[in-house]
PDB file of N, CA and C in Angstrom:
ATOM      1  N   MET A   1      52.852 128.640 142.096  1.00  0.00           N
ATOM      2  CA  MET A   1      53.505 128.374 140.907  1.00  0.00           C
ATOM      3  C   MET A   1      53.759 127.419 141.177  1.00  0.00           C
ATOM      4  N   VAL A   2      53.232 126.650 139.817  1.00  0.00           N
ATOM      5  CA  VAL A   2      53.677 125.104 140.158  1.00  0.00           C
ATOM      6  C   VAL A   2      54.753 125.070 139.160  1.00  0.00           C
ATOM      7  N   LYS A   3      55.551 124.122 140.443  1.00  0.00           N
ATOM      8  CA  LYS A   3      56.900 123.576 139.926  1.00  0.00           C
ATOM      9  C   LYS A   3      56.399 122.050 139.183  1.00  0.00           C
ATOM     10  N   LEU A   4      57.449 122.375 137.680  1.00  0.00           N
ATOM     11  CA  LEU A   4      57.393 121.036 136.229  1.00  0.00           C
ATOM     12  C   LEU A   4      58.415 120.631 136.853  1.00  0.00           C
ATOM     13  N   SER A   5      58.136 118.763 136.735  1.00  0.00           N
ATOM     14  CA  SER A   5      59.196 118.065 137.044  1.00  0.00           C
ATOM     15  C   SER A   5      59.972 117.761 136.302  1.00  0.00           C
ATOM     16  N   MET A   6      61.356 117.362 136.518  1.00  0.00           N
ATOM     17  CA  MET A   6      62.636 117.385 136.277  1.00  0.00           C
ATOM     18  C   MET A   6      62.005 117.082 135.000  1.00  0.00           C
ATOM     19  N   THR A   7      61.727 115.414 134.736  1.00  0.00           N
ATOM     20  CA  THR A   7      61.459 114.858 133.222  1.00  0.00           C
ATOM     21  C   THR A   7      61.009 115.910 132.229  1.00  0.00           C
ATOM     22  N   LEU A   8      60.067 116.473 132.594  1.00  0.00           N
ATOM     23  CA  LEU A   8      58.799 117.144 131.951  1.00  0.00           C
ATOM     24  C   LEU A   8      59.841 118.471 131.674  1.00  0.00           C
ATOM     25  N   ARG A   9      60.725 118.920 132.235  1.00  0.00           N
ATOM     26  CA  ARG A   9      61.360 119.997 131.798  1.00  0.00           C
ATOM     27  C   ARG A   9      62.566 119.348 130.811  1.00  0.00           C
ATOM     28  N   LEU A  10      63.266 118.015 130.835  1.00  0.00           N
ATOM     29  CA  LEU A  10      63.638 117.710 129.775  1.00  0.00           C
ATOM     30  C   LEU A  10      63.399 117.620 128.182  1.00  0.00           C
ATOM     31  N   THR A  11      61.880 117.371 129.036  1.00  0.00           N
ATOM     32  CA  THR A  11      61.322 116.990 127.254  1.00  0.00           C
ATOM     33  C   THR A  11      61.281 118.261 127.035  1.00  0.00           C
ATOM     34  N   ILE A  12      60.734 119.537 127.742  1.00  0.00           N
ATOM     35  CA  ILE A  12      60.434 120.105 127.107  1.00  0.00           C
ATOM     36  C   ILE A  12      61.732 121.169 126.091  1.00  0.00           C
ATOM     37  N   SER A  13      62.832 121.331 126.818  1.00  0.00           N
ATOM     38  CA  SER A  13      64.353 121.299 126.448  1.00  0.00           C
ATOM     39  C   SER A  13      64.806 120.567 125.541  1.00  0.00           C
ATOM     40  N   PHE A  14      64.393 119.141 124.863  1.00  0.00           N
ATOM     41  CA  PHE A  14      64.700 118.090 124.081  1.00  0.00           C
ATOM     42  C   PHE A  14      63.771 118.901 123.086  1.00  0.00           C
ATOM     43  N   ILE A  15      62.841 119.031 123.540  1.00  0.00           N
ATOM     44  CA  ILE A  15      61.992 119.457 121.762  1.00  0.00           C
ATOM     45  C   ILE A  15      62.327 120.479 120.747  1.00  0.00           C
ATOM     46  N   ALA A  16      62.987 121.493 122.568  1.00  0.00           N
ATOM     47  CA  ALA A  16      62.971 122.598 121.743  1.00  0.00           C
ATOM     48  C   ALA A  16      63.942 122.851 120.655  1.00  0.00           C
ATOM     49  N   ILE A  17      64.980 122.082 121.413  1.00  0.00           N
ATOM     50  CA  ILE A  17      66.612 122.114 120.783  1.00  0.00           C
ATOM     51  C   ILE A  17      66.332 121.213 119.438  1.00  0.00           C
ATOM     52  N   LEU A  18      65.051 120.298 119.513  1.00  0.00           N
ATOM     53  CA  LEU A  18      64.870 119.278 118.054  1.00  0.00           C
ATOM     54  C   LEU A  18      64.149 120.139 117.072  1.00  0.00           C
ATOM     55  N   ILE A  19      63.510 121.180 117.483  1.00  0.00           N
ATOM     56  CA  ILE A  19      62.832 121.999 116.907  1.00  0.00           C
ATOM     57  C   ILE A  19      63.673 122.504 115.635  1.00  0.00           C
ATOM     58  N   LEU A  20      64.645 123.486 116.349  1.00  0.00           N
ATOM     59  CA  LEU A  20      65.368 124.168 116.709  1.00  0.00           C
ATOM     60  C   LEU A  20      67.032 123.610 115.849  1.00  0.00           C
ATOM     61  N   ALA A  21      66.914 122.639 115.615  1.00  0.00           N
ATOM     62  CA  ALA A  21      67.695 121.870 115.056  1.00  0.00           C
ATOM     63  C   ALA A  21      66.839 121.406 112.936  1.00  0.00           C
ATOM     64  N   CYS A  22      66.060 120.979 113.782  1.00  0.00           N
ATOM     65  CA  CYS A  22      64.630 120.799 112.315  1.00  0.00           C
ATOM     66  C   CYS A  22      64.829 122.207 111.538  1.00  0.00           C
ATOM     67  N   THR A  23      64.572 122.820 111.832  1.00  0.00           N
ATOM     68  CA  THR A  23      64.475 124.630 111.250  1.00  0.00           C
ATOM     69  C   THR A  23      65.778 124.533 110.533  1.00  0.00           C
ATOM     70  N   GLY A  24      66.120 125.198 111.088  1.00  0.00           N
ATOM     71  CA  GLY A  24      68.275 125.043 110.738  1.00  0.00           C
ATOM     72  C   GLY A  24      68.243 124.297 109.402  1.00  0.00           C
ATOM     73  N   ILE A  25      68.518 122.986 109.830  1.00  0.00           N
ATOM     74  CA  ILE A  25      68.410 122.132 108.642  1.00  0.00           C
ATOM     75  C   ILE A  25      67.524 121.651 107.542  1.00  0.00           C
ATOM     76  N   SER A  26      65.796 121.954 107.191  1.00  0.00           N
ATOM     77  CA  SER A  26      65.405 122.242 106.474  1.00  0.00           C
ATOM     78  C   SER A  26      65.469 124.257 105.432  1.00  0.00           C
ATOM     79  N   TRP A  27      66.020 125.326 106.441  1.00  0.00           N
ATOM     80  CA  TRP A  27      66.281 126.349 105.346  1.00  0.00           C
ATOM     81  C   TRP A  27      67.734 126.505 105.005  1.00  0.00           C
ATOM     82  N   THR A  28      68.202 125.855 105.389  1.00  0.00           N
ATOM     83  CA  THR A  28      69.704 125.181 104.762  1.00  0.00           C
ATOM     84  C   THR A  28      69.877 124.394 103.668  1.00  0.00           C
ATOM     85  N   LEU A  29      69.046 123.353 103.743  1.00  0.00           N
ATOM     86  CA  LEU A  29      68.099 122.457 102.459  1.00  0.00           C
ATOM     87  C   LEU A  29      67.426 123.567 101.864  1.00  0.00           C
ATOM     88  N   TYR A  30      66.766 123.931 101.886  1.00  0.00           N
ATOM     89  CA  TYR A  30      66.183 125.186 101.247  1.00  0.00           C
ATOM     90  C   TYR A  30      66.607 126.488 100.312  1.00  0.00           C
ATOM     91  N   ASN A  31      67.660 126.632 100.745  1.00  0.00           N
ATOM     92  CA  ASN A  31      68.677 127.028 100.399  1.00  0.00           C
ATOM     93  C   ASN A  31      69.739 127.083  99.358  1.00  0.00           C
ATOM     94  N   ALA A  32      70.074 125.674  99.610  1.00  0.00           N
ATOM     95  CA  ALA A  32      70.240 125.065  97.837  1.00  0.00           C
ATOM     96  C   ALA A  32      69.804 124.856  97.556  1.00  0.00           C
ATOM     97  N   LEU A  33      68.676 124.200  97.572  1.00  0.00           N
ATOM     98  CA  LEU A  33      68.575 124.216  96.449  1.00  0.00           C
ATOM     99  C   LEU A  33      67.464 125.120  95.755  1.00  0.00           C
ATOM    100  N   SER A  34      67.230 126.145  96.549  1.00  0.00           N
ATOM    101  CA  SER A  34      66.711 127.863  95.802  1.00  0.00           C
ATOM    102  C   SER A  34      67.666 128.045  94.669  1.00  0.00           C
ATOM    103  N   LYS A  35      68.632 127.745  95.362  1.00  0.00           N
ATOM    104  CA  LYS A  35      69.997 128.547  94.166  1.00  0.00           C
ATOM    105  C   LYS A  35      70.859 127.555  93.238  1.00  0.00           C
ATOM    106  N   GLU A  36      70.570 126.419  93.607  1.00  0.00           N
ATOM    107  CA  GLU A  36      70.612 125.345  92.099  1.00  0.00           C
ATOM    108  C   GLU A  36      69.674 125.433  91.246  1.00  0.00           C
ATOM    109  N   LEU A  37      68.404 125.796  92.030  1.00  0.00           N
ATOM    110  CA  LEU A  37      67.147 125.268  90.550  1.00  0.00           C
ATOM    111  C   LEU A  37      67.325 126.871  89.633  1.00  0.00           C
ATOM    112  N   THR A  38      68.196 127.834  90.566  1.00  0.00           N
ATOM    113  CA  THR A  38      67.846 129.260  90.152  1.00  0.00           C
ATOM    114  C   THR A  38      69.305 128.991  89.126  1.00  0.00           C
ATOM    115  N   TYR A  39      70.875 128.011  89.197  1.00  0.00           N
ATOM    116  CA  TYR A  39      71.521 128.754  88.823  1.00  0.00           C
ATOM    117  C   TYR A  39      71.370 127.698  87.467  1.00  0.00           C
ATOM    118  N   ARG A  40      70.618 126.350  87.341  1.00  0.00           N
ATOM    119  CA  ARG A  40      70.337 125.629  86.254  1.00  0.00           C
ATOM    120  C   ARG A  40      69.309 126.619  85.588  1.00  0.00           C
ATOM    121  N   ASP A  41      68.410 126.845  85.795  1.00  0.00           N
ATOM    122  CA  ASP A  41      67.536 127.706  85.479  1.00  0.00           C
ATOM    123  C   ASP A  41      68.119 129.265  84.103  1.00  0.00           C
ATOM    124  N   ASP A  42      69.277 129.745  84.357  1.00  0.00           N
ATOM    125  CA  ASP A  42      69.639 130.730  84.044  1.00  0.00           C
ATOM    126  C   ASP A  42      70.694 129.555  82.883  1.00  0.00           C
ATOM    127  N   MET A  43      71.130 128.819  82.970  1.00  0.00           N
ATOM    128  CA  MET A  43      72.233 128.571  82.409  1.00  0.00           C
ATOM    129  C   MET A  43      71.310 127.874  81.089  1.00  0.00           C
ATOM    130  N   THR A  44      70.269 127.270  81.240  1.00  0.00           N
ATOM    131  CA  THR A  44      69.553 126.394  80.341  1.00  0.00           C
ATOM    132  C   THR A  44      69.024 127.444  79.505  1.00  0.00           C
ATOM    133  N   LEU A  45      68.780 129.023  79.837  1.00  0.00           N
ATOM    134  CA  LEU A  45      67.810 130.190  79.299  1.00  0.00           C
ATOM    135  C   LEU A  45      69.063 130.972  78.722  1.00  0.00           C
ATOM    136  N   ILE A  46      70.668 130.357  79.130  1.00  0.00           N
ATOM    137  CA  ILE A  46      71.513 131.689  78.215  1.00  0.00           C
ATOM    138  C   ILE A  46      71.900 130.147  77.008  1.00  0.00           C
ATOM    139  N   ASN A  47      72.214 129.017  77.463  1.00  0.00           N
ATOM    140  CA  ASN A  47      71.901 128.326  76.677  1.00  0.00           C
ATOM    141  C   ASN A  47      71.678 128.285  74.769  1.00  0.00           C
ATOM    142  N   ARG A  48      69.473 128.584  75.392  1.00  0.00           N
ATOM    143  CA  ARG A  48      69.028 128.546  74.440  1.00  0.00           C
ATOM    144  C   ARG A  48      69.149 129.778  73.566  1.00  0.00           C
ATOM    145  N   ALA A  49      69.466 130.855  74.145  1.00  0.00           N
ATOM    146  CA  ALA A  49      69.776 132.141  73.245  1.00  0.00           C
ATOM    147  C   ALA A  49      70.680 131.679  73.210  1.00  0.00           C
ATOM    148  N   ALA A  50      72.137 131.464  72.702  1.00  0.00           N
ATOM    149  CA  ALA A  50      73.149 130.722  72.723  1.00  0.00           C
ATOM    150  C   ALA A  50      72.538 129.838  70.961  1.00  0.00           C
ATOM    151  N   GLN A  51      71.845 129.239  71.541  1.00  0.00           N
ATOM    152  CA  GLN A  51      71.532 127.672  70.294  1.00  0.00           C
ATOM    153  C   GLN A  51      70.985 128.981  69.361  1.00  0.00           C
ATOM    154  N   MET A  52      69.526 129.850  69.558  1.00  0.00           N
ATOM    155  CA  MET A  52      68.621 131.307  68.948  1.00  0.00           C
ATOM    156  C   MET A  52      69.799 131.564  68.217  1.00  0.00           C
ATOM    157  N   GLN A  53      71.048 132.572  68.596  1.00  0.00           N
ATOM    158  CA  GLN A  53      71.798 133.200  67.988  1.00  0.00           C
ATOM    159  C   GLN A  53      72.611 132.126  66.887  1.00  0.00           C
ATOM    160  N   GLN A  54      72.604 130.832  67.137  1.00  0.00           N
ATOM    161  CA  GLN A  54      73.875 130.216  66.373  1.00  0.00           C
ATOM    162  C   GLN A  54      72.679 130.130  65.146  1.00  0.00           C
ATOM    163  N   LEU A  55      71.493 129.970  65.482  1.00  0.00           N
ATOM    164  CA  LEU A  55      70.807 129.326  64.283  1.00  0.00           C
ATOM    165  C   LEU A  55      70.302 130.313  63.393  1.00  0.00           C
ATOM    166  N   LEU A  56      70.334 131.792  64.178  1.00  0.00           N
ATOM    167  CA  LEU A  56      70.151 132.956  63.053  1.00  0.00           C
ATOM    168  C   LEU A  56      71.317 133.162  62.707  1.00  0.00           C
ATOM    169  N   LEU A  57      72.539 132.794  62.843  1.00  0.00           N
ATOM    170  CA  LEU A  57      73.896 132.945  62.320  1.00  0.00           C
ATOM    171  C   LEU A  57      73.637 132.269  60.888  1.00  0.00           C
ATOM    172  N   ASP A  58      73.370 130.933  61.106  1.00  0.00           N
ATOM    173  CA  ASP A  58      73.524 129.923  60.080  1.00  0.00           C
ATOM    174  C   ASP A  58      72.591 130.171  58.883  1.00  0.00           C
ATOM    175  N   GLY A  59      71.484 130.698  59.044  1.00  0.00           N
ATOM    176  CA  GLY A  59      70.509 131.339  57.791  1.00  0.00           C
ATOM    177  C   GLY A  59      69.553 131.016  58.590  1.00  0.00           C
ATOM    178  N   ALA A  60      68.657 130.121  59.470  1.00  0.00           N
ATOM    179  CA  ALA A  60      67.099 130.136  59.741  1.00  0.00           C
ATOM    180  C   ALA A  60      66.749 131.488  59.321  1.00  0.00           C
ATOM    181  N   ARG A  61      65.361 131.272  59.255  1.00  0.00           N
ATOM    182  CA  ARG A  61      64.273 132.578  59.128  1.00  0.00           C
ATOM    183  C   ARG A  61      63.713 132.726  60.710  1.00  0.00           C
ATOM    184  N   PRO A  62      63.611 134.009  60.658  1.00  0.00           N
ATOM    185  CA  PRO A  62      63.300 135.176  62.067  1.00  0.00           C
ATOM    186  C   PRO A  62      61.735 133.521  62.438  1.00  0.00           C
ATOM    187  N   GLU A  63      60.769 133.437  61.075  1.00  0.00           N
ATOM    188  CA  GLU A  63      59.262 133.016  61.648  1.00  0.00           C
ATOM    189  C   GLU A  63      59.451 132.110  62.078  1.00  0.00           C
ATOM    190  N   ASN A  64      60.649 130.954  61.383  1.00  0.00           N
ATOM    191  CA  ASN A  64      60.780 129.420  62.011  1.00  0.00           C
ATOM    192  C   ASN A  64      61.265 129.617  63.078  1.00  0.00           C
ATOM    193  N   LEU A  65      61.153 131.091  63.916  1.00  0.00           N
ATOM    194  CA  LEU A  65      62.750 130.163  65.217  1.00  0.00           C
ATOM    195  C   LEU A  65      61.366 129.813  66.750  1.00  0.00           C
ATOM    196  N   PRO A  66      60.531 130.543  66.434  1.00  0.00           N
ATOM    197  CA  PRO A  66      59.761 129.339  67.370  1.00  0.00           C
ATOM    198  C   PRO A  66      59.160 128.020  67.916  1.00  0.00           C
ATOM    199  N   LEU A  67      59.248 127.579  65.746  1.00  0.00           N
ATOM    200  CA  LEU A  67      59.327 125.871  65.700  1.00  0.00           C
ATOM    201  C   LEU A  67      60.486 125.055  66.453  1.00  0.00           C
ATOM    202  N   TYR A  68      61.481 125.604  66.522  1.00  0.00           N
ATOM    203  CA  TYR A  68      62.923 125.344  66.775  1.00  0.00           C
ATOM    204  C   TYR A  68      62.915 125.663  68.272  1.00  0.00           C
ATOM    205  N   PHE A  69      62.290 126.462  68.734  1.00  0.00           N
ATOM    206  CA  PHE A  69      61.981 126.722  70.555  1.00  0.00           C
ATOM    207  C   PHE A  69      60.921 125.958  70.816  1.00  0.00           C
ATOM    208  N   ASN A  70      60.066 125.481  70.264  1.00  0.00           N
ATOM    209  CA  ASN A  70      59.413 124.488  70.381  1.00  0.00           C
ATOM    210  C   ASN A  70      60.058 122.840  71.122  1.00  0.00           C
ATOM    211  N   ARG A  71      61.042 122.806  69.804  1.00  0.00           N
ATOM    212  CA  ARG A  71      61.517 121.549  69.562  1.00  0.00           C
ATOM    213  C   ARG A  71      63.217 121.563  71.772  1.00  0.00           C
ATOM    214  N   MET A  72      63.679 122.418  71.321  1.00  0.00           N
ATOM    215  CA  MET A  72      64.441 122.791  72.422  1.00  0.00           C
ATOM    216  C   MET A  72      63.521 122.676  73.527  1.00  0.00           C
ATOM    217  N   VAL A  73      62.417 122.956  73.842  1.00  0.00           N
ATOM    218  CA  VAL A  73      61.433 123.375  75.167  1.00  0.00           C
ATOM    219  C   VAL A  73      61.420 121.418  75.174  1.00  0.00           C
ATOM    220  N   ASP A  74      60.621 120.274  73.963  1.00  0.00           N
ATOM    221  CA  ASP A  74      60.910 119.569  74.306  1.00  0.00           C
ATOM    222  C   ASP A  74      61.397 118.214  74.528  1.00  0.00           C
ATOM    223  N   THR A  75      62.558 118.364  74.378  1.00  0.00           N
ATOM    224  CA  THR A  75      63.739 117.600  74.383  1.00  0.00           C
ATOM    225  C   THR A  75      64.274 117.998  76.037  1.00  0.00           C
TER     226      THR A  75
END
């Protein structure tokens, strides 16, 4: 059995710790971004549905709703 030098063992240990730290940070950032994007998408859909409802309550014709929706998406 070959005995590894102290420098090589420390280098391997450092690389392993670095990989674990980078993986943990990346996973945390990915989850935070995923939750934030999901929340923003949900809020956007809720607001657009509320706007459509208000348009209908204000007397907009249902056949014109796709036009209004396209204008909402473009902005």
